[in-house]
Amino acid sequence: MLIKILKKLAGGGIYSNRLMTTELGVDKRLVEQMINQLQQPEYIERDSIGNCSSHCSCCTSKKRCCSNNDFIDLNIWRITDKGEKAMSQ
């Protein structure tokens, strides 16, 4: 299940915990736990963005997630080299 989440995050796009729960068919708390489990061994890294209007200027997803919001709290996940290796095994 952890590898499925890694692959979804690596595929790009915008995923909320709610969308992950729907696609994976699991409880929201389980998704949150799995995200935390992926952070601990450093398979993913989090970049929190507090002010979308000033910090998303170079983000390719800005039009989809921030177009009508002046302020939005986002968690952007980046797959680390260690995470890439885990997906290829």
PDB file of N, CA and C in Angstrom:
ATOM      1  N   MET A   1       0.823  -1.192   0.000  1.00  0.00           N
ATOM      2  CA  MET A   1       0.000   0.000   0.000  1.00  0.00           C
ATOM      3  C   MET A   1       0.873   1.263   0.000  1.00  0.00           C
ATOM      4  N   LEU A   2       1.998   1.216   0.721  1.00  0.00           N
ATOM      5  CA  LEU A   2       2.895   2.370   0.748  1.00  0.00           C
ATOM      6  C   LEU A   2       3.472   2.650  -0.643  1.00  0.00           C
ATOM      7  N   ILE A   3       3.799   1.597  -1.355  1.00  0.00           N
ATOM      8  CA  ILE A   3       4.345   1.767  -2.703  1.00  0.00           C
ATOM      9  C   ILE A   3       3.280   2.361  -3.627  1.00  0.00           C
ATOM     10  N   LYS A   4       2.020   1.991  -3.443  1.00  0.00           N
ATOM     11  CA  LYS A   4       0.942   2.572  -4.251  1.00  0.00           C
ATOM     12  C   LYS A   4       0.867   4.079  -4.040  1.00  0.00           C
ATOM     13  N   ILE A   5       0.981   4.513  -2.791  1.00  0.00           N
ATOM     14  CA  ILE A   5       0.952   5.955  -2.507  1.00  0.00           C
ATOM     15  C   ILE A   5       2.169   6.635  -3.122  1.00  0.00           C
ATOM     16  N   LEU A   6       3.332   6.023  -2.979  1.00  0.00           N
ATOM     17  CA  LEU A   6       4.533   6.597  -3.598  1.00  0.00           C
ATOM     18  C   LEU A   6       4.347   6.776  -5.099  1.00  0.00           C
ATOM     19  N   LYS A   7       3.818   5.765  -5.750  1.00  0.00           N
ATOM     20  CA  LYS A   7       3.635   5.826  -7.202  1.00  0.00           C
ATOM     21  C   LYS A   7       2.619   6.898  -7.591  1.00  0.00           C
ATOM     22  N   LYS A   8       1.563   7.059  -6.808  1.00  0.00           N
ATOM     23  CA  LYS A   8       0.577   8.101  -7.097  1.00  0.00           C
ATOM     24  C   LYS A   8       1.217   9.479  -6.955  1.00  0.00           C
ATOM     25  N   LEU A   9       1.982   9.672  -5.891  1.00  0.00           N
ATOM     26  CA  LEU A   9       2.645  10.957  -5.691  1.00  0.00           C
ATOM     27  C   LEU A   9       3.691  11.212  -6.780  1.00  0.00           C
ATOM     28  N   ALA A  10       4.401  10.171  -7.177  1.00  0.00           N
ATOM     29  CA  ALA A  10       5.425  10.310  -8.214  1.00  0.00           C
ATOM     30  C   ALA A  10       4.812  10.611  -9.580  1.00  0.00           C
ATOM     31  N   GLY A  11       3.567  10.185  -9.782  1.00  0.00           N
ATOM     32  CA  GLY A  11       2.897  10.402 -11.060  1.00  0.00           C
ATOM     33  C   GLY A  11       2.486  11.844 -11.294  1.00  0.00           C
ATOM     34  N   GLY A  12       2.622  12.664 -10.283  1.00  0.00           N
ATOM     35  CA  GLY A  12       2.262  14.077 -10.403  1.00  0.00           C
ATOM     36  C   GLY A  12       0.783  14.286 -10.160  1.00  0.00           C
ATOM     37  N   GLY A  13       0.328  15.463 -10.429  1.00  0.00           N
ATOM     38  CA  GLY A  13      -1.062  15.799 -10.186  1.00  0.00           C
ATOM     39  C   GLY A  13      -1.280  16.270  -8.768  1.00  0.00           C
ATOM     40  N   ILE A  14      -2.511  16.505  -8.439  1.00  0.00           N
ATOM     41  CA  ILE A  14      -2.875  17.006  -7.121  1.00  0.00           C
ATOM     42  C   ILE A  14      -3.685  15.938  -6.407  1.00  0.00           C
ATOM     43  N   TYR A  15      -3.220  15.554  -5.229  1.00  0.00           N
ATOM     44  CA  TYR A  15      -3.907  14.545  -4.429  1.00  0.00           C
ATOM     45  C   TYR A  15      -4.170  15.077  -3.042  1.00  0.00           C
ATOM     46  N   SER A  16      -5.402  15.010  -2.622  1.00  0.00           N
ATOM     47  CA  SER A  16      -5.744  15.296  -1.234  1.00  0.00           C
ATOM     48  C   SER A  16      -5.811  13.963  -0.509  1.00  0.00           C
ATOM     49  N   ASN A  17      -5.782  14.022   0.803  1.00  0.00           N
ATOM     50  CA  ASN A  17      -5.945  12.780   1.562  1.00  0.00           C
ATOM     51  C   ASN A  17      -7.294  12.148   1.258  1.00  0.00           C
ATOM     52  N   ARG A  18      -8.306  12.985   1.063  1.00  0.00           N
ATOM     53  CA  ARG A  18      -9.646  12.471   0.738  1.00  0.00           C
ATOM     54  C   ARG A  18      -9.631  11.714  -0.590  1.00  0.00           C
ATOM     55  N   LEU A  19      -8.970  12.272  -1.593  1.00  0.00           N
ATOM     56  CA  LEU A  19      -8.895  11.595  -2.887  1.00  0.00           C
ATOM     57  C   LEU A  19      -8.116  10.283  -2.764  1.00  0.00           C
ATOM     58  N   MET A  20      -7.028  10.310  -1.993  1.00  0.00           N
ATOM     59  CA  MET A  20      -6.260   9.081  -1.777  1.00  0.00           C
ATOM     60  C   MET A  20      -7.118   8.011  -1.127  1.00  0.00           C
ATOM     61  N   THR A  21      -7.921   8.401  -0.124  1.00  0.00           N
ATOM     62  CA  THR A  21      -8.760   7.412   0.550  1.00  0.00           C
ATOM     63  C   THR A  21      -9.756   6.794  -0.419  1.00  0.00           C
ATOM     64  N   THR A  22     -10.312   7.609  -1.291  1.00  0.00           N
ATOM     65  CA  THR A  22     -11.277   7.118  -2.270  1.00  0.00           C
ATOM     66  C   THR A  22     -10.609   6.163  -3.260  1.00  0.00           C
ATOM     67  N   GLU A  23      -9.472   6.567  -3.797  1.00  0.00           N
ATOM     68  CA  GLU A  23      -8.792   5.742  -4.801  1.00  0.00           C
ATOM     69  C   GLU A  23      -8.239   4.441  -4.222  1.00  0.00           C
ATOM     70  N   LEU A  24      -7.788   4.488  -2.965  1.00  0.00           N
ATOM     71  CA  LEU A  24      -7.211   3.294  -2.351  1.00  0.00           C
ATOM     72  C   LEU A  24      -8.231   2.466  -1.580  1.00  0.00           C
ATOM     73  N   GLY A  25      -9.400   3.057  -1.311  1.00  0.00           N
ATOM     74  CA  GLY A  25     -10.443   2.344  -0.582  1.00  0.00           C
ATOM     75  C   GLY A  25     -10.110   2.110   0.882  1.00  0.00           C
ATOM     76  N   VAL A  26      -9.438   3.088   1.495  1.00  0.00           N
ATOM     77  CA  VAL A  26      -9.069   2.967   2.909  1.00  0.00           C
ATOM     78  C   VAL A  26      -9.522   4.205   3.667  1.00  0.00           C
ATOM     79  N   ASP A  27      -9.434   4.146   4.989  1.00  0.00           N
ATOM     80  CA  ASP A  27      -9.818   5.241   5.866  1.00  0.00           C
ATOM     81  C   ASP A  27      -8.809   6.395   5.783  1.00  0.00           C
ATOM     82  N   LYS A  28      -9.305   7.618   5.981  1.00  0.00           N
ATOM     83  CA  LYS A  28      -8.445   8.809   5.928  1.00  0.00           C
ATOM     84  C   LYS A  28      -7.299   8.733   6.935  1.00  0.00           C
ATOM     85  N   ARG A  29      -7.588   8.227   8.124  1.00  0.00           N
ATOM     86  CA  ARG A  29      -6.538   8.109   9.146  1.00  0.00           C
ATOM     87  C   ARG A  29      -5.430   7.165   8.694  1.00  0.00           C
ATOM     88  N   LEU A  30      -5.798   6.120   7.969  1.00  0.00           N
ATOM     89  CA  LEU A  30      -4.790   5.186   7.469  1.00  0.00           C
ATOM     90  C   LEU A  30      -3.899   5.871   6.435  1.00  0.00           C
ATOM     91  N   VAL A  31      -4.498   6.675   5.562  1.00  0.00           N
ATOM     92  CA  VAL A  31      -3.704   7.420   4.577  1.00  0.00           C
ATOM     93  C   VAL A  31      -2.736   8.354   5.297  1.00  0.00           C
ATOM     94  N   GLU A  32      -3.208   9.065   6.313  1.00  0.00           N
ATOM     95  CA  GLU A  32      -2.339   9.966   7.068  1.00  0.00           C
ATOM     96  C   GLU A  32      -1.193   9.206   7.725  1.00  0.00           C
ATOM     97  N   GLN A  33      -1.480   8.023   8.275  1.00  0.00           N
ATOM     98  CA  GLN A  33      -0.440   7.200   8.887  1.00  0.00           C
ATOM     99  C   GLN A  33       0.581   6.749   7.848  1.00  0.00           C
ATOM    100  N   MET A  34       0.092   6.370   6.675  1.00  0.00           N
ATOM    101  CA  MET A  34       1.006   5.906   5.624  1.00  0.00           C
ATOM    102  C   MET A  34       1.890   7.048   5.120  1.00  0.00           C
ATOM    103  N   ILE A  35       1.322   8.249   4.998  1.00  0.00           N
ATOM    104  CA  ILE A  35       2.130   9.406   4.603  1.00  0.00           C
ATOM    105  C   ILE A  35       3.227   9.634   5.646  1.00  0.00           C
ATOM    106  N   ASN A  36       2.868   9.550   6.927  1.00  0.00           N
ATOM    107  CA  ASN A  36       3.868   9.691   7.994  1.00  0.00           C
ATOM    108  C   ASN A  36       4.925   8.598   7.911  1.00  0.00           C
ATOM    109  N   GLN A  37       4.498   7.367   7.585  1.00  0.00           N
ATOM    110  CA  GLN A  37       5.453   6.268   7.447  1.00  0.00           C
ATOM    111  C   GLN A  37       6.404   6.487   6.281  1.00  0.00           C
ATOM    112  N   LEU A  38       5.948   7.140   5.244  1.00  0.00           N
ATOM    113  CA  LEU A  38       6.813   7.431   4.098  1.00  0.00           C
ATOM    114  C   LEU A  38       7.786   8.566   4.404  1.00  0.00           C
ATOM    115  N   GLN A  39       7.410   9.441   5.320  1.00  0.00           N
ATOM    116  CA  GLN A  39       8.298  10.535   5.720  1.00  0.00           C
ATOM    117  C   GLN A  39       9.434  10.048   6.616  1.00  0.00           C
ATOM    118  N   GLN A  40       9.151   9.131   7.527  1.00  0.00           N
ATOM    119  CA  GLN A  40      10.138   8.705   8.521  1.00  0.00           C
ATOM    120  C   GLN A  40      11.412   8.150   7.893  1.00  0.00           C
ATOM    121  N   PRO A  41      11.323   7.231   6.940  1.00  0.00           N
ATOM    122  CA  PRO A  41      12.559   6.736   6.318  1.00  0.00           C
ATOM    123  C   PRO A  41      13.035   7.633   5.167  1.00  0.00           C
ATOM    124  N   GLU A  42      12.400   8.792   5.052  1.00  0.00           N
ATOM    125  CA  GLU A  42      12.761   9.801   4.041  1.00  0.00           C
ATOM    126  C   GLU A  42      12.535   9.335   2.606  1.00  0.00           C
ATOM    127  N   TYR A  43      11.393   8.652   2.378  1.00  0.00           N
ATOM    128  CA  TYR A  43      11.000   8.318   1.008  1.00  0.00           C
ATOM    129  C   TYR A  43      10.342   9.520   0.341  1.00  0.00           C
ATOM    130  N   ILE A  44       9.734  10.388   1.148  1.00  0.00           N
ATOM    131  CA  ILE A  44       9.143  11.624   0.646  1.00  0.00           C
ATOM    132  C   ILE A  44       9.567  12.772   1.555  1.00  0.00           C
ATOM    133  N   GLU A  45       9.561  13.973   0.984  1.00  0.00           N
ATOM    134  CA  GLU A  45       9.849  15.188   1.733  1.00  0.00           C
ATOM    135  C   GLU A  45       8.691  16.153   1.541  1.00  0.00           C
ATOM    136  N   ARG A  46       8.376  16.889   2.596  1.00  0.00           N
ATOM    137  CA  ARG A  46       7.262  17.825   2.542  1.00  0.00           C
ATOM    138  C   ARG A  46       7.779  19.251   2.444  1.00  0.00           C
ATOM    139  N   ASP A  47       7.114  20.007   1.577  1.00  0.00           N
ATOM    140  CA  ASP A  47       7.388  21.431   1.450  1.00  0.00           C
ATOM    141  C   ASP A  47       6.065  22.146   1.684  1.00  0.00           C
ATOM    142  N   SER A  48       5.876  22.733   2.861  1.00  0.00           N
ATOM    143  CA  SER A  48       4.626  23.424   3.174  1.00  0.00           C
ATOM    144  C   SER A  48       4.655  24.830   2.608  1.00  0.00           C
ATOM    145  N   ILE A  49       3.603  25.191   1.932  1.00  0.00           N
ATOM    146  CA  ILE A  49       3.476  26.517   1.337  1.00  0.00           C
ATOM    147  C   ILE A  49       2.285  27.189   1.986  1.00  0.00           C
ATOM    148  N   GLY A  50       2.517  28.287   2.654  1.00  0.00           N
ATOM    149  CA  GLY A  50       1.440  28.961   3.368  1.00  0.00           C
ATOM    150  C   GLY A  50       0.706  30.003   2.562  1.00  0.00           C
ATOM    151  N   ASN A  51       1.374  30.692   1.676  1.00  0.00           N
ATOM    152  CA  ASN A  51       0.744  31.760   0.914  1.00  0.00           C
ATOM    153  C   ASN A  51       0.874  31.453  -0.561  1.00  0.00           C
ATOM    154  N   CYS A  52      -0.153  30.835  -1.096  1.00  0.00           N
ATOM    155  CA  CYS A  52      -0.118  30.366  -2.476  1.00  0.00           C
ATOM    156  C   CYS A  52       0.111  31.494  -3.472  1.00  0.00           C
ATOM    157  N   SER A  53      -0.481  32.642  -3.231  1.00  0.00           N
ATOM    158  CA  SER A  53      -0.404  33.710  -4.224  1.00  0.00           C
ATOM    159  C   SER A  53       1.021  34.197  -4.459  1.00  0.00           C
ATOM    160  N   SER A  54       1.904  34.031  -3.481  1.00  0.00           N
ATOM    161  CA  SER A  54       3.275  34.486  -3.700  1.00  0.00           C
ATOM    162  C   SER A  54       4.263  33.350  -3.897  1.00  0.00           C
ATOM    163  N   HIS A  55       3.932  32.159  -3.423  1.00  0.00           N
ATOM    164  CA  HIS A  55       4.878  31.053  -3.497  1.00  0.00           C
ATOM    165  C   HIS A  55       4.631  30.086  -4.648  1.00  0.00           C
ATOM    166  N   CYS A  56       3.551  30.211  -5.375  1.00  0.00           N
ATOM    167  CA  CYS A  56       3.242  29.260  -6.447  1.00  0.00           C
ATOM    168  C   CYS A  56       3.582  29.789  -7.831  1.00  0.00           C
ATOM    169  N   SER A  57       4.282  30.880  -7.921  1.00  0.00           N
ATOM    170  CA  SER A  57       4.502  31.490  -9.226  1.00  0.00           C
ATOM    171  C   SER A  57       5.174  30.551 -10.220  1.00  0.00           C
ATOM    172  N   CYS A  58       5.998  29.626  -9.733  1.00  0.00           N
ATOM    173  CA  CYS A  58       6.663  28.705 -10.660  1.00  0.00           C
ATOM    174  C   CYS A  58       6.032  27.318 -10.659  1.00  0.00           C
ATOM    175  N   CYS A  59       4.962  27.126  -9.919  1.00  0.00           N
ATOM    176  CA  CYS A  59       4.326  25.816  -9.812  1.00  0.00           C
ATOM    177  C   CYS A  59       3.432  25.549 -11.022  1.00  0.00           C
ATOM    178  N   THR A  60       3.574  24.382 -11.616  1.00  0.00           N
ATOM    179  CA  THR A  60       2.777  24.042 -12.794  1.00  0.00           C
ATOM    180  C   THR A  60       1.324  23.743 -12.446  1.00  0.00           C
ATOM    181  N   SER A  61       1.025  23.504 -11.174  1.00  0.00           N
ATOM    182  CA  SER A  61      -0.346  23.194 -10.754  1.00  0.00           C
ATOM    183  C   SER A  61      -1.109  24.412 -10.249  1.00  0.00           C
ATOM    184  N   LYS A  62      -0.514  25.586 -10.311  1.00  0.00           N
ATOM    185  CA  LYS A  62      -1.137  26.776  -9.727  1.00  0.00           C
ATOM    186  C   LYS A  62      -2.551  27.013 -10.246  1.00  0.00           C
ATOM    187  N   LYS A  63      -2.760  26.887 -11.520  1.00  0.00           N
ATOM    188  CA  LYS A  63      -4.087  27.166 -12.082  1.00  0.00           C
ATOM    189  C   LYS A  63      -5.142  26.203 -11.560  1.00  0.00           C
ATOM    190  N   ARG A  64      -4.748  24.979 -11.247  1.00  0.00           N
ATOM    191  CA  ARG A  64      -5.712  23.989 -10.766  1.00  0.00           C
ATOM    192  C   ARG A  64      -6.013  24.125  -9.285  1.00  0.00           C
ATOM    193  N   CYS A  65      -5.025  24.486  -8.474  1.00  0.00           N
ATOM    194  CA  CYS A  65      -5.275  24.468  -7.035  1.00  0.00           C
ATOM    195  C   CYS A  65      -5.370  25.847  -6.409  1.00  0.00           C
ATOM    196  N   CYS A  66      -4.906  26.880  -7.050  1.00  0.00           N
ATOM    197  CA  CYS A  66      -4.817  28.177  -6.388  1.00  0.00           C
ATOM    198  C   CYS A  66      -5.518  29.313  -7.124  1.00  0.00           C
ATOM    199  N   SER A  67      -6.116  29.044  -8.231  1.00  0.00           N
ATOM    200  CA  SER A  67      -6.610  30.135  -9.064  1.00  0.00           C
ATOM    201  C   SER A  67      -7.616  31.043  -8.383  1.00  0.00           C
ATOM    202  N   ASN A  68      -8.431  30.536  -7.469  1.00  0.00           N
ATOM    203  CA  ASN A  68      -9.442  31.359  -6.816  1.00  0.00           C
ATOM    204  C   ASN A  68      -9.160  31.588  -5.340  1.00  0.00           C
ATOM    205  N   ASN A  69      -7.950  31.321  -4.892  1.00  0.00           N
ATOM    206  CA  ASN A  69      -7.625  31.456  -3.479  1.00  0.00           C
ATOM    207  C   ASN A  69      -6.440  32.392  -3.295  1.00  0.00           C
ATOM    208  N   ASP A  70      -6.601  33.384  -2.430  1.00  0.00           N
ATOM    209  CA  ASP A  70      -5.478  34.253  -2.112  1.00  0.00           C
ATOM    210  C   ASP A  70      -4.523  33.575  -1.146  1.00  0.00           C
ATOM    211  N   PHE A  71      -5.072  32.830  -0.192  1.00  0.00           N
ATOM    212  CA  PHE A  71      -4.256  32.131   0.788  1.00  0.00           C
ATOM    213  C   PHE A  71      -4.746  30.699   0.895  1.00  0.00           C
ATOM    214  N   ILE A  72      -3.819  29.781   0.812  1.00  0.00           N
ATOM    215  CA  ILE A  72      -4.172  28.363   0.899  1.00  0.00           C
ATOM    216  C   ILE A  72      -3.006  27.627   1.546  1.00  0.00           C
ATOM    217  N   ASP A  73      -3.294  26.652   2.367  1.00  0.00           N
ATOM    218  CA  ASP A  73      -2.260  25.869   3.023  1.00  0.00           C
ATOM    219  C   ASP A  73      -2.080  24.577   2.238  1.00  0.00           C
ATOM    220  N   LEU A  74      -0.928  24.421   1.615  1.00  0.00           N
ATOM    221  CA  LEU A  74      -0.659  23.254   0.777  1.00  0.00           C
ATOM    222  C   LEU A  74       0.496  22.445   1.338  1.00  0.00           C
ATOM    223  N   ASN A  75       0.431  21.172   1.137  1.00  0.00           N
ATOM    224  CA  ASN A  75       1.573  20.299   1.393  1.00  0.00           C
ATOM    225  C   ASN A  75       1.975  19.714   0.058  1.00  0.00           C
ATOM    226  N   ILE A  76       3.152  20.059  -0.368  1.00  0.00           N
ATOM    227  CA  ILE A  76       3.691  19.538  -1.619  1.00  0.00           C
ATOM    228  C   ILE A  76       4.675  18.432  -1.246  1.00  0.00           C
ATOM    229  N   TRP A  77       4.462  17.249  -1.811  1.00  0.00           N
ATOM    230  CA  TRP A  77       5.329  16.105  -1.508  1.00  0.00           C
ATOM    231  C   TRP A  77       6.289  15.867  -2.646  1.00  0.00           C
ATOM    232  N   ARG A  78       7.540  15.661  -2.316  1.00  0.00           N
ATOM    233  CA  ARG A  78       8.564  15.339  -3.300  1.00  0.00           C
ATOM    234  C   ARG A  78       9.113  13.965  -2.982  1.00  0.00           C
ATOM    235  N   ILE A  79       9.205  13.117  -4.000  1.00  0.00           N
ATOM    236  CA  ILE A  79       9.776  11.785  -3.832  1.00  0.00           C
ATOM    237  C   ILE A  79      11.291  11.930  -3.793  1.00  0.00           C
ATOM    238  N   THR A  80      11.926  11.379  -2.781  1.00  0.00           N
ATOM    239  CA  THR A  80      13.380  11.456  -2.654  1.00  0.00           C
ATOM    240  C   THR A  80      14.030  10.357  -3.500  1.00  0.00           C
ATOM    241  N   ASP A  81      15.344  10.409  -3.607  1.00  0.00           N
ATOM    242  CA  ASP A  81      16.070   9.352  -4.317  1.00  0.00           C
ATOM    243  C   ASP A  81      15.811   7.996  -3.664  1.00  0.00           C
ATOM    244  N   LYS A  82      15.745   8.006  -2.344  1.00  0.00           N
ATOM    245  CA  LYS A  82      15.467   6.777  -1.599  1.00  0.00           C
ATOM    246  C   LYS A  82      14.065   6.244  -1.946  1.00  0.00           C
ATOM    247  N   GLY A  83      13.115   7.140  -2.095  1.00  0.00           N
ATOM    248  CA  GLY A  83      11.763   6.747  -2.490  1.00  0.00           C
ATOM    249  C   GLY A  83      11.724   6.200  -3.901  1.00  0.00           C
ATOM    250  N   GLU A  84      12.472   6.824  -4.807  1.00  0.00           N
ATOM    251  CA  GLU A  84      12.562   6.330  -6.191  1.00  0.00           C
ATOM    252  C   GLU A  84      13.111   4.907  -6.216  1.00  0.00           C
ATOM    253  N   LYS A  85      14.141   4.660  -5.414  1.00  0.00           N
ATOM    254  CA  LYS A  85      14.738   3.314  -5.356  1.00  0.00           C
ATOM    255  C   LYS A  85      13.726   2.300  -4.809  1.00  0.00           C
ATOM    256  N   ALA A  86      12.952   2.708  -3.797  1.00  0.00           N
ATOM    257  CA  ALA A  86      11.962   1.809  -3.210  1.00  0.00           C
ATOM    258  C   ALA A  86      10.892   1.425  -4.232  1.00  0.00           C
ATOM    259  N   MET A  87      10.508   2.359  -5.092  1.00  0.00           N
ATOM    260  CA  MET A  87       9.500   2.069  -6.111  1.00  0.00           C
ATOM    261  C   MET A  87      10.011   1.117  -7.178  1.00  0.00           C
ATOM    262  N   SER A  88      11.313   1.152  -7.438  1.00  0.00           N
ATOM    263  CA  SER A  88      11.866   0.319  -8.514  1.00  0.00           C
ATOM    264  C   SER A  88      12.196  -1.091  -8.069  1.00  0.00           C
ATOM    265  N   GLN A  89      12.088  -1.379  -6.793  1.00  0.00           N
ATOM    266  CA  GLN A  89      12.410  -2.724  -6.299  1.00  0.00           C
ATOM    267  C   GLN A  89      11.261  -3.659  -6.435  1.00  0.00           C
TER     268      GLN A  89
END
